Protein backbone atom coordinates (compact mmCIF):
# COMPACT_ATOMS: atom_id res chain seq x y z
CA MET A 1 31.46 -63.86 150.59
CA ASN A 2 28.65 -63.82 153.10
CA THR A 3 28.07 -66.45 155.75
CA THR A 4 24.45 -66.98 156.77
CA THR A 5 22.15 -69.55 158.25
CA PRO A 6 18.81 -70.61 156.73
CA SER A 7 15.81 -68.36 157.12
CA SER A 8 12.26 -68.36 155.85
CA GLY A 9 13.21 -65.71 153.34
CA ALA A 10 15.94 -67.75 151.67
CA PRO A 11 15.43 -68.12 147.94
CA ARG A 12 13.59 -71.17 146.65
CA ARG A 13 13.09 -72.27 143.10
CA ASN A 14 9.94 -70.93 141.46
CA PRO A 15 8.21 -72.10 138.27
CA ARG A 16 9.84 -70.90 135.08
CA ARG A 17 8.91 -67.50 133.82
CA ARG A 18 9.66 -65.73 130.57
CA ARG A 19 11.89 -62.70 130.59
CA PRO A 20 10.81 -59.73 128.52
CA ALA A 21 11.69 -59.96 124.87
CA GLY A 22 14.09 -57.44 123.41
CA ALA A 23 17.83 -57.07 123.66
CA PRO A 24 20.59 -54.80 122.43
CA THR A 25 21.00 -55.02 118.70
CA ASN A 26 22.76 -53.12 115.99
CA GLY A 27 23.26 -52.90 112.28
CA ASN A 28 20.90 -53.67 109.45
CA THR A 29 17.20 -54.27 110.11
CA SER A 30 16.13 -55.26 106.63
CA GLY A 31 14.28 -58.48 105.80
CA ILE A 32 15.18 -61.66 103.99
CA ASN A 33 15.53 -60.38 100.45
CA GLY A 34 19.15 -59.33 100.86
CA SER A 35 20.45 -62.81 101.65
CA GLN A 36 22.27 -63.26 98.34
CA ASN A 37 24.29 -60.04 98.37
CA HIS A 38 25.23 -59.58 102.00
CA ARG A 39 28.84 -58.73 101.22
CA GLN A 40 27.87 -55.73 99.09
CA HIS A 41 26.29 -53.75 101.94
CA ASP A 42 27.15 -50.07 102.19
CA SER A 43 30.36 -49.63 104.14
CA ALA A 44 28.64 -47.28 106.56
CA ALA A 45 26.25 -50.02 107.59
CA ALA A 46 28.88 -52.76 107.75
CA ARG A 47 31.20 -53.25 110.69
CA SER A 48 34.73 -54.14 109.68
CA THR A 49 36.52 -56.79 111.68
CA PRO A 50 38.81 -54.95 114.12
CA ASP A 51 42.20 -56.13 115.30
CA ALA A 52 40.64 -56.70 118.71
CA ILE A 53 37.02 -57.76 118.59
CA ASP A 54 34.66 -55.40 120.41
CA LEU A 55 32.30 -57.67 122.30
CA SER A 56 30.56 -55.02 124.34
CA PRO A 57 26.77 -54.78 123.99
CA SER A 58 25.57 -52.52 121.21
CA VAL A 59 24.07 -49.15 121.98
CA ALA A 60 21.96 -49.13 118.83
CA PRO A 61 18.15 -48.99 119.20
CA VAL A 62 16.50 -52.21 120.28
CA VAL A 63 14.35 -54.04 117.74
CA ASP A 64 11.15 -54.47 119.76
CA ALA A 65 9.54 -57.50 118.10
CA ALA A 66 6.64 -59.20 119.84
CA ASP A 67 6.52 -62.05 117.35
CA PHE A 68 8.53 -63.62 114.53
CA ALA A 69 6.40 -62.01 111.83
CA GLU A 70 7.76 -58.60 112.79
CA LEU A 71 11.24 -59.96 112.13
CA ASN A 72 10.28 -61.02 108.57
CA VAL A 73 10.41 -64.73 109.32
CA PRO A 74 8.52 -66.62 106.56
CA ALA A 75 5.04 -67.83 107.44
CA PRO A 76 5.76 -71.58 107.02
CA ILE A 77 8.58 -71.34 109.58
CA ILE A 78 6.38 -69.37 111.98
CA ALA A 79 3.73 -72.08 111.67
CA ALA A 80 6.33 -74.77 112.43
CA LEU A 81 7.55 -72.86 115.48
CA THR A 82 3.98 -72.39 116.70
CA ARG A 83 3.29 -76.12 116.40
CA ASP A 84 6.34 -76.67 118.58
CA GLY A 85 5.03 -74.27 121.22
CA ILE A 86 7.29 -71.34 120.25
CA THR A 87 5.38 -68.12 119.67
CA ALA A 88 7.65 -65.22 120.65
CA PRO A 89 11.35 -64.50 119.99
CA PHE A 90 13.95 -64.44 122.74
CA PRO A 91 16.41 -61.50 123.00
CA ILE A 92 19.23 -63.22 121.08
CA GLN A 93 16.76 -63.97 118.28
CA THR A 94 15.35 -60.43 118.28
CA ALA A 95 18.86 -59.02 118.20
CA THR A 96 20.42 -61.15 115.47
CA LEU A 97 17.64 -62.08 113.04
CA PRO A 98 17.41 -58.71 111.23
CA ASP A 99 21.09 -58.97 110.26
CA SER A 100 21.34 -62.72 109.69
CA LEU A 101 18.17 -62.76 107.57
CA ALA A 102 19.67 -59.93 105.52
CA GLY A 103 22.64 -62.19 104.78
CA ARG A 104 25.19 -60.50 107.04
CA ASP A 105 27.90 -62.42 108.87
CA VAL A 106 26.93 -62.41 112.55
CA LEU A 107 28.89 -62.92 115.74
CA GLY A 108 26.35 -63.62 118.49
CA ARG A 109 26.85 -64.14 122.19
CA GLY A 110 24.17 -65.16 124.64
CA LYS A 111 24.17 -67.31 127.74
CA THR A 112 23.20 -70.97 127.58
CA GLY A 113 19.45 -71.37 127.29
CA SER A 114 19.04 -68.00 125.56
CA GLY A 115 17.71 -69.43 122.29
CA LYS A 116 20.81 -69.38 120.09
CA THR A 117 19.82 -72.51 118.12
CA ILE A 118 16.67 -70.95 116.69
CA ALA A 119 18.63 -67.73 116.13
CA PHE A 120 20.87 -69.49 113.60
CA ALA A 121 18.41 -72.13 112.39
CA ILE A 122 15.96 -69.63 110.91
CA PRO A 123 18.42 -67.64 108.74
CA THR A 124 20.12 -70.86 107.61
CA VAL A 125 16.85 -72.32 106.34
CA VAL A 126 15.75 -69.01 104.80
CA ARG A 127 19.06 -68.54 102.97
CA LEU A 128 18.77 -71.99 101.37
CA ALA A 129 15.11 -71.43 100.48
CA ASN A 130 15.96 -68.17 98.72
CA SER A 131 18.96 -69.50 96.80
CA GLY A 132 16.97 -71.85 94.57
CA ALA A 133 19.81 -74.39 94.42
CA LYS A 134 18.89 -78.06 94.28
CA ARG A 135 19.93 -80.75 96.73
CA GLU A 136 22.89 -82.82 95.47
CA THR A 137 24.35 -86.11 96.58
CA LYS A 138 27.21 -85.85 99.10
CA LYS A 139 27.15 -82.04 98.97
CA PRO A 140 25.32 -80.31 101.85
CA ARG A 141 24.18 -76.76 101.24
CA ALA A 142 24.66 -75.61 104.84
CA LEU A 143 27.05 -76.76 107.56
CA ILE A 144 26.57 -76.43 111.32
CA LEU A 145 29.65 -77.40 113.36
CA VAL A 146 29.19 -78.36 117.03
CA PRO A 147 31.62 -79.69 119.65
CA THR A 148 29.76 -82.76 120.99
CA ARG A 149 27.46 -85.51 119.79
CA GLU A 150 24.81 -84.57 122.38
CA LEU A 151 24.69 -81.02 121.09
CA ALA A 152 24.58 -82.29 117.49
CA ASN A 153 21.49 -84.34 118.31
CA GLN A 154 19.78 -81.49 120.07
CA VAL A 155 20.54 -78.91 117.37
CA ALA A 156 19.14 -81.30 114.76
CA GLU A 157 16.03 -81.87 116.86
CA THR A 158 15.36 -78.14 116.97
CA LEU A 159 16.32 -77.54 113.36
CA THR A 160 14.44 -80.39 111.66
CA PRO A 161 10.86 -79.02 111.90
CA ILE A 162 12.04 -75.57 110.78
CA ALA A 163 13.83 -77.08 107.79
CA ALA A 164 10.91 -79.38 106.95
CA ALA A 165 8.64 -76.33 106.74
CA MET A 166 10.71 -75.25 103.72
CA ASN A 167 11.12 -78.80 102.29
CA GLN A 168 14.71 -79.15 103.44
CA LYS A 169 16.45 -82.26 104.79
CA VAL A 170 18.76 -82.40 107.83
CA ALA A 171 21.42 -85.00 108.62
CA VAL A 172 23.74 -85.42 111.61
CA VAL A 173 27.25 -86.87 111.75
CA PHE A 174 29.38 -87.55 114.82
CA GLY A 175 31.76 -90.16 116.12
CA GLY A 176 31.38 -93.09 118.46
CA VAL A 177 28.89 -95.05 116.35
CA GLY A 178 28.93 -96.78 112.97
CA GLN A 179 29.09 -94.46 109.97
CA GLY A 180 26.85 -96.45 107.62
CA PRO A 181 23.57 -94.56 108.18
CA GLN A 182 25.39 -91.22 107.92
CA VAL A 183 27.04 -92.20 104.63
CA THR A 184 23.65 -93.25 103.27
CA ALA A 185 22.07 -89.93 104.29
CA LEU A 186 24.82 -87.97 102.54
CA ARG A 187 24.56 -90.10 99.42
CA LEU A 188 20.80 -89.46 99.20
CA GLY A 189 21.43 -85.73 99.57
CA VAL A 190 20.94 -83.32 102.47
CA ASP A 191 20.40 -79.60 102.68
CA ILE A 192 21.76 -78.96 106.19
CA LEU A 193 24.49 -81.02 107.84
CA VAL A 194 25.01 -80.84 111.61
CA ALA A 195 28.45 -82.26 112.35
CA CYS A 196 31.23 -82.77 114.87
CA PRO A 197 34.56 -81.81 113.26
CA GLY A 198 36.42 -85.12 113.67
CA ARG A 199 33.81 -87.37 112.07
CA LEU A 200 33.16 -84.90 109.26
CA GLU A 201 36.85 -84.87 108.37
CA ASP A 202 36.81 -88.67 108.31
CA LEU A 203 33.86 -88.74 105.90
CA ILE A 204 35.44 -86.13 103.65
CA ALA A 205 38.68 -88.12 103.53
CA GLN A 206 36.64 -91.16 102.46
CA ARG A 207 34.97 -89.05 99.73
CA HIS A 208 31.53 -89.40 101.26
CA CYS A 209 31.11 -85.63 101.62
CA ARG A 210 32.19 -82.40 99.94
CA LEU A 211 31.74 -78.82 101.19
CA ASP A 212 32.13 -76.84 97.96
CA LEU A 213 28.38 -76.06 97.71
CA VAL A 214 27.95 -74.80 101.29
CA GLU A 215 26.05 -71.50 101.33
CA VAL A 216 25.87 -70.99 105.10
CA THR A 217 28.32 -72.08 107.80
CA VAL A 218 27.40 -71.96 111.49
CA LEU A 219 29.78 -72.45 114.41
CA ASP A 220 27.83 -73.29 117.56
CA GLU A 221 29.63 -73.15 120.93
CA ALA A 222 32.82 -72.21 119.13
CA ASP A 223 34.70 -71.51 122.36
CA HIS A 224 33.93 -75.02 123.58
CA MET A 225 35.34 -76.40 120.32
CA ALA A 226 38.47 -74.42 121.13
CA ASP A 227 38.54 -75.88 124.66
CA LEU A 228 38.38 -79.39 123.15
CA GLY A 229 41.19 -78.67 120.68
CA PHE A 230 39.01 -78.67 117.56
CA LEU A 231 40.08 -75.29 116.13
CA PRO A 232 42.63 -76.76 113.65
CA ALA A 233 39.95 -79.12 112.31
CA VAL A 234 37.41 -76.27 112.17
CA LYS A 235 39.84 -74.19 110.11
CA ARG A 236 40.49 -77.06 107.71
CA LEU A 237 36.74 -77.55 107.24
CA LEU A 238 36.01 -73.85 106.76
CA ASP A 239 38.80 -73.65 104.18
CA GLN A 240 36.82 -76.17 102.10
CA THR A 241 33.67 -74.02 102.04
CA PRO A 242 33.16 -71.20 99.50
CA ALA A 243 34.66 -67.87 100.51
CA ASN A 244 31.35 -66.08 99.88
CA ALA A 245 29.34 -68.35 102.19
CA GLN A 246 27.50 -66.61 104.99
CA ARG A 247 29.12 -67.23 108.39
CA LEU A 248 27.25 -67.26 111.69
CA LEU A 249 29.12 -67.77 114.95
CA PHE A 250 27.15 -68.23 118.16
CA SER A 251 28.45 -69.02 121.63
CA ALA A 252 27.98 -68.37 125.33
CA THR A 253 31.48 -66.82 125.41
CA LEU A 254 33.78 -65.51 122.70
CA ASP A 255 37.36 -66.19 123.69
CA ASN A 256 40.03 -68.91 123.50
CA GLY A 257 41.20 -67.98 120.02
CA ILE A 258 37.77 -67.35 118.55
CA ASP A 259 39.07 -63.98 117.33
CA VAL A 260 41.31 -65.89 114.92
CA LEU A 261 38.27 -67.51 113.33
CA VAL A 262 36.47 -64.19 113.15
CA LYS A 263 39.35 -62.40 111.44
CA ARG A 264 40.00 -65.22 108.99
CA TYR A 265 36.49 -66.25 107.98
CA LEU A 266 33.88 -63.59 108.81
CA THR A 267 33.40 -60.60 106.51
CA ASN A 268 32.30 -57.32 108.14
CA PRO A 269 30.56 -59.21 110.96
CA VAL A 270 27.88 -57.63 113.09
CA VAL A 271 28.44 -58.28 116.78
CA HIS A 272 25.43 -58.92 119.00
CA SER A 273 26.04 -59.46 122.69
CA VAL A 274 22.88 -59.81 124.76
CA ASP A 275 24.67 -61.00 127.92
CA PRO A 276 27.99 -60.37 129.64
CA ALA A 277 30.73 -62.73 128.48
CA ILE A 278 30.99 -64.53 131.80
CA ALA A 279 28.62 -63.54 134.57
CA PRO A 280 26.29 -65.44 136.85
CA VAL A 281 22.63 -65.43 135.95
CA SER A 282 20.70 -63.05 138.21
CA THR A 283 18.08 -65.69 139.00
CA MET A 284 20.76 -68.16 140.17
CA THR A 285 21.48 -68.49 143.91
CA HIS A 286 25.00 -69.63 144.80
CA HIS A 287 25.86 -71.53 147.99
CA VAL A 288 29.09 -73.00 149.32
CA PHE A 289 28.61 -75.77 151.87
CA ALA A 290 31.65 -76.36 154.07
CA VAL A 291 31.62 -80.07 154.94
CA SER A 292 34.00 -82.54 156.49
CA ILE A 293 35.30 -85.37 154.34
CA ALA A 294 33.47 -87.86 156.57
CA ASP A 295 30.11 -86.05 156.24
CA LYS A 296 30.32 -85.35 152.51
CA PRO A 297 28.74 -88.63 151.22
CA THR A 298 25.68 -88.22 153.48
CA VAL A 299 25.28 -84.54 152.60
CA ILE A 300 25.36 -85.44 148.89
CA LYS A 301 22.56 -87.98 149.40
CA GLU A 302 20.43 -85.44 151.28
CA LEU A 303 20.93 -82.86 148.50
CA ALA A 304 20.02 -85.38 145.79
CA GLN A 305 16.88 -86.79 147.39
CA GLY A 306 14.48 -83.99 146.43
CA MET A 307 11.47 -84.17 144.12
CA ASP A 308 13.03 -81.90 141.45
CA ARG A 309 15.82 -82.62 138.97
CA SER A 310 19.38 -82.39 140.28
CA LEU A 311 22.61 -82.36 138.29
CA LEU A 312 25.75 -83.42 140.18
CA PHE A 313 29.23 -82.75 138.75
CA THR A 314 32.35 -84.77 139.47
CA ARG A 315 35.84 -84.26 138.11
CA THR A 316 36.41 -87.80 136.87
CA LYS A 317 34.52 -90.42 134.89
CA HIS A 318 35.17 -92.98 137.61
CA GLY A 319 33.78 -90.57 140.21
CA ALA A 320 30.58 -90.06 138.21
CA LYS A 321 30.05 -93.79 137.74
CA LYS A 322 30.74 -94.57 141.40
CA LEU A 323 28.50 -91.80 142.77
CA ALA A 324 25.57 -92.70 140.47
CA LYS A 325 25.75 -96.30 141.70
CA GLN A 326 26.03 -95.24 145.36
CA LEU A 327 22.96 -93.00 145.10
CA SER A 328 20.96 -95.68 143.30
CA MET A 329 21.88 -98.25 145.93
CA ALA A 330 20.72 -95.81 148.61
CA GLY A 331 17.28 -95.63 146.98
CA ILE A 332 17.85 -92.44 144.96
CA PRO A 333 17.80 -93.49 141.28
CA ALA A 334 20.63 -91.78 139.40
CA VAL A 335 22.16 -92.09 135.94
CA GLU A 336 25.66 -91.21 134.82
CA MET A 337 26.97 -89.18 131.89
CA HIS A 338 30.64 -89.28 130.89
CA GLY A 339 32.96 -90.10 128.02
CA ASN A 340 33.31 -93.81 128.77
CA LEU A 341 29.66 -94.56 128.00
CA SER A 342 28.53 -95.89 124.64
CA GLN A 343 26.31 -93.65 122.54
CA ASN A 344 23.26 -95.81 123.28
CA ALA A 345 23.91 -95.57 127.03
CA ARG A 346 24.36 -91.80 126.83
CA GLU A 347 21.12 -91.36 124.90
CA ARG A 348 19.26 -93.70 127.23
CA ASN A 349 20.49 -91.90 130.36
CA LEU A 350 19.80 -88.44 128.93
CA GLU A 351 16.29 -89.50 127.91
CA SER A 352 15.62 -90.89 131.38
CA PHE A 353 16.76 -87.63 132.98
CA SER A 354 15.05 -85.28 130.54
CA GLU A 355 11.73 -87.12 130.77
CA GLY A 356 11.86 -87.22 134.56
CA THR A 357 11.89 -90.98 135.03
CA THR A 358 15.23 -90.41 136.79
CA ARG A 359 15.65 -87.15 138.66
CA VAL A 360 19.41 -87.27 139.30
CA LEU A 361 22.18 -87.07 136.70
CA VAL A 362 25.82 -87.43 137.77
CA ALA A 363 28.14 -86.06 135.12
CA THR A 364 31.61 -84.94 134.28
CA ASP A 365 32.19 -81.65 132.46
CA ILE A 366 30.97 -83.24 129.23
CA ALA A 367 27.48 -82.21 130.40
CA ALA A 368 28.41 -78.63 131.22
CA ARG A 369 28.14 -77.43 127.63
CA GLY A 370 26.79 -80.24 125.50
CA ILE A 371 23.58 -81.23 127.28
CA HIS A 372 20.59 -78.96 127.71
CA VAL A 373 17.67 -80.03 129.89
CA ASP A 374 15.25 -77.48 131.29
CA ASP A 375 13.80 -77.49 134.80
CA ILE A 376 16.96 -78.48 136.65
CA ALA A 377 16.34 -77.12 140.14
CA LEU A 378 19.73 -77.81 141.65
CA VAL A 379 23.31 -78.00 140.36
CA ILE A 380 25.77 -79.53 142.82
CA HIS A 381 29.52 -79.22 142.39
CA VAL A 382 30.45 -82.42 144.21
CA ASP A 383 34.02 -81.73 143.12
CA PRO A 384 34.70 -78.01 142.61
CA PRO A 385 35.97 -77.43 139.05
CA ALA A 386 39.53 -76.44 138.34
CA GLU A 387 38.72 -73.03 136.86
CA HIS A 388 35.96 -70.44 136.91
CA LYS A 389 34.72 -70.89 133.34
CA ALA A 390 33.94 -74.52 134.06
CA TYR A 391 32.07 -73.38 137.17
CA LEU A 392 29.91 -70.96 135.18
CA HIS A 393 29.17 -73.45 132.42
CA ARG A 394 28.29 -76.18 134.91
CA SER A 395 26.12 -73.78 136.89
CA GLY A 396 24.38 -72.64 133.71
CA ARG A 397 22.48 -75.92 133.58
CA THR A 398 20.02 -74.37 136.05
CA ALA A 399 18.22 -70.99 135.97
CA ARG A 400 17.65 -71.37 132.23
CA ALA A 401 15.43 -69.04 130.22
CA GLY A 402 14.37 -66.90 133.17
CA ALA A 403 13.79 -69.72 135.65
CA GLU A 404 15.29 -69.59 139.12
CA GLY A 405 17.85 -72.15 140.22
CA ILE A 406 20.22 -73.07 143.02
CA VAL A 407 23.93 -73.88 142.75
CA VAL A 408 25.75 -75.62 145.61
CA THR A 409 29.49 -76.19 145.85
CA LEU A 410 30.72 -78.71 148.40
CA MET A 411 33.96 -77.54 150.03
CA THR A 412 36.11 -79.74 152.23
CA PRO A 413 38.70 -78.11 154.56
CA GLU A 414 41.62 -78.51 152.15
CA GLN A 415 39.61 -76.87 149.33
CA VAL A 416 38.86 -73.57 151.08
CA GLY A 417 41.54 -71.54 149.30
CA ASP A 418 40.73 -72.97 145.88
CA VAL A 419 36.97 -72.37 146.23
CA LYS A 420 37.46 -68.77 147.37
CA ALA A 421 39.74 -68.12 144.40
CA LEU A 422 37.17 -69.77 142.11
CA ALA A 423 34.39 -67.50 143.41
CA ARG A 424 36.50 -64.38 142.90
CA ALA A 425 37.36 -65.35 139.34
CA ALA A 426 33.71 -66.18 138.57
CA LYS A 427 32.62 -62.87 140.13
CA ILE A 428 30.05 -64.47 142.43
CA ASP A 429 29.35 -63.86 146.09
CA PRO A 430 28.06 -67.19 147.41
CA THR A 431 26.50 -67.78 150.79
CA ILE A 432 28.86 -69.95 152.86
CA THR A 433 27.31 -72.32 155.41
CA ARG A 434 28.95 -74.97 157.55
CA ILE A 435 26.90 -78.08 156.90
CA ALA A 436 26.51 -81.45 158.60
CA PRO A 437 23.96 -84.19 157.85
CA GLY A 438 20.46 -83.12 158.85
CA HIS A 439 21.24 -79.39 158.71
CA ALA A 440 18.12 -77.25 158.24
CA MET A 441 19.57 -75.59 155.12
CA LEU A 442 19.56 -78.92 153.28
CA ASN A 443 15.84 -79.39 153.73
CA HIS A 444 15.20 -75.72 153.04
CA LEU A 445 16.88 -75.86 149.61
CA VAL A 446 15.85 -79.35 148.57
CA GLY A 447 12.30 -79.51 149.93
CA PRO A 448 10.43 -82.76 150.62
CA ALA A 449 12.35 -85.94 149.91
CA ALA A 450 11.18 -88.26 147.15
CA PRO A 451 10.24 -91.82 148.17
CA LEU A 452 13.23 -94.15 148.16
CA GLN A 453 13.24 -96.83 145.48
CA ARG A 454 14.67 -100.33 145.43
CA TYR A 455 17.96 -100.52 143.58
CA ALA A 456 18.10 -102.47 140.33
CA ALA A 457 21.55 -102.97 138.82
CA PRO A 458 21.79 -101.36 135.36
CA ILE A 459 22.79 -103.27 132.24
CA GLU A 460 26.41 -102.43 131.48
CA THR A 461 27.01 -101.03 127.99
CA PRO A 462 30.71 -100.73 127.05
CA GLN A 463 32.08 -97.85 125.06
CA GLY A 464 31.57 -98.49 121.35
CA PRO A 465 34.30 -98.26 118.73
CA GLY A 466 35.93 -94.95 118.15
CA ARG A 467 37.02 -92.07 120.30
CA SER A 468 35.29 -89.90 122.81
CA ALA A 469 32.36 -87.49 122.44
CA GLY A 470 33.12 -84.64 120.10
CA GLY A 471 33.17 -86.91 117.11
CA HIS A 472 36.79 -87.79 116.44
CA ARG A 473 35.98 -91.26 115.08
CA GLY A 474 33.11 -93.66 114.67
CA ALA A 475 29.79 -92.38 113.25
CA GLY A 476 26.11 -93.06 112.80
CA GLN A 477 22.86 -91.37 111.99
CA ALA A 478 21.95 -89.48 115.14
CA ARG A 479 18.82 -90.54 116.95
CA SER A 480 16.86 -87.92 118.87
CA THR A 481 17.02 -88.48 122.60
CA ALA A 482 13.61 -87.02 123.36
CA ARG A 483 10.01 -87.87 122.64
CA PRO A 484 8.69 -86.40 119.38
CA GLY A 485 7.80 -82.78 119.99
CA ALA A 486 9.35 -82.84 123.45
CA SER A 487 11.79 -80.01 122.87
CA ARG A 488 10.36 -76.55 123.40
CA GLN A 489 11.47 -73.01 123.75
CA PRO A 490 10.73 -72.24 127.42
CA SER A 491 6.99 -71.91 127.88
CA GLY A 492 6.52 -72.30 131.61
CA ARG A 493 5.77 -76.04 131.48
CA ARG A 494 7.84 -78.53 133.42
CA GLY A 495 9.77 -81.46 132.06
CA THR A 496 9.14 -80.95 128.35
CA SER A 497 12.33 -79.42 127.01
CA HIS A 498 15.85 -80.55 126.28
CA ARG A 499 17.09 -77.24 125.13
CA SER A 500 16.03 -73.59 125.25
CA ARG A 501 16.70 -73.05 121.62
């Protein structure tokens, strides 16, 4: 680790910029017509599932596609993407679409914000459009499993206009809210179901849903589902889908038992890895601020008072709630995000943060993987995480889709050994600076302070019936947390996107 003091050349956050399209790819490059017979590909073109999954990047020629038409994406879908401000594919899309549109099982890895949602949304919609099957009550034709209710909402928001372009209906199910609207949606018939495992199992047990007509199954953030203990439920759900269904697995990392899913459910999968499994983004600047316990609260306030969005992470739900209130009382409006909030409160707080009406979000690790808001200038580890993967996932909320971002970890004297071990495991080399209130580095990183605002006590909303996020119990038709059309693939504009899809 390097120890420095601020200088005029220290990195500052710049406006978002697109990275060049194109990424390592391999396997079949045919179009959409092979979607019904993907398991009959020539053995020379298919990759058999090995005992140990090879997740290294492919050395096959790159598919250099400047637009979606070159990837054989149907015109109605291209038109829908264009209306949503999305005109060029990202590397994970360029890499995977030739194989997924050809009907192959795909194992895709790309960092958060790389565009994985569109990478699996397009082939899912195309597969259903080509099959000619009709929509039936209680029997979705495609299933997308996600670990959290926030991610379910955001996947559905991205997916819905793509599906509508091909006259397909999308429904969302997750826990924590009443199940009535979800049951109604399933009874009326849906083409694509986005679901958290726990709630979906509940609905199946109540005979509100069956999976025997599923043609495509997608696992999004599968490693996070493993972290949350959902793999047994995922296996039970996949066992209820047809054996010849196409399987697409996308995640930022591929570990924690994901190889078991691959071996059991994917047939001759093509592996596409456009990013290292766990590595810091090159446009992300890492700092460790050594602070005394007495100075830490003031330093946090000075870091959070900037004009840009800041995301602060605490270890506990109580810590997130307390810190958000302390900042708000100090004139820095902040909202909280943790498992004790009701669904309405979570949606309201996320909307406030994503639209910029509140610039500070204080969260537990629930936000590290399940919430995607672009243009976050600063991620602050108020409490250093317990392990390096949590650090990387938290930090990945900034520097999304080619933008630059700053990550700050606050380190008190008793945390020195733990933070150094964390940095080694995460393979980062942060700049370490001893910080006290008013230090020049604080102003250098944060920039001009926003005007302080008078504190108004929020309306308390208790946790609704059911279990925590992730959808164990409770339900409800998901409501989008953003303005219509707000979500965009990164396009260089500020404050318009929940998720780089």
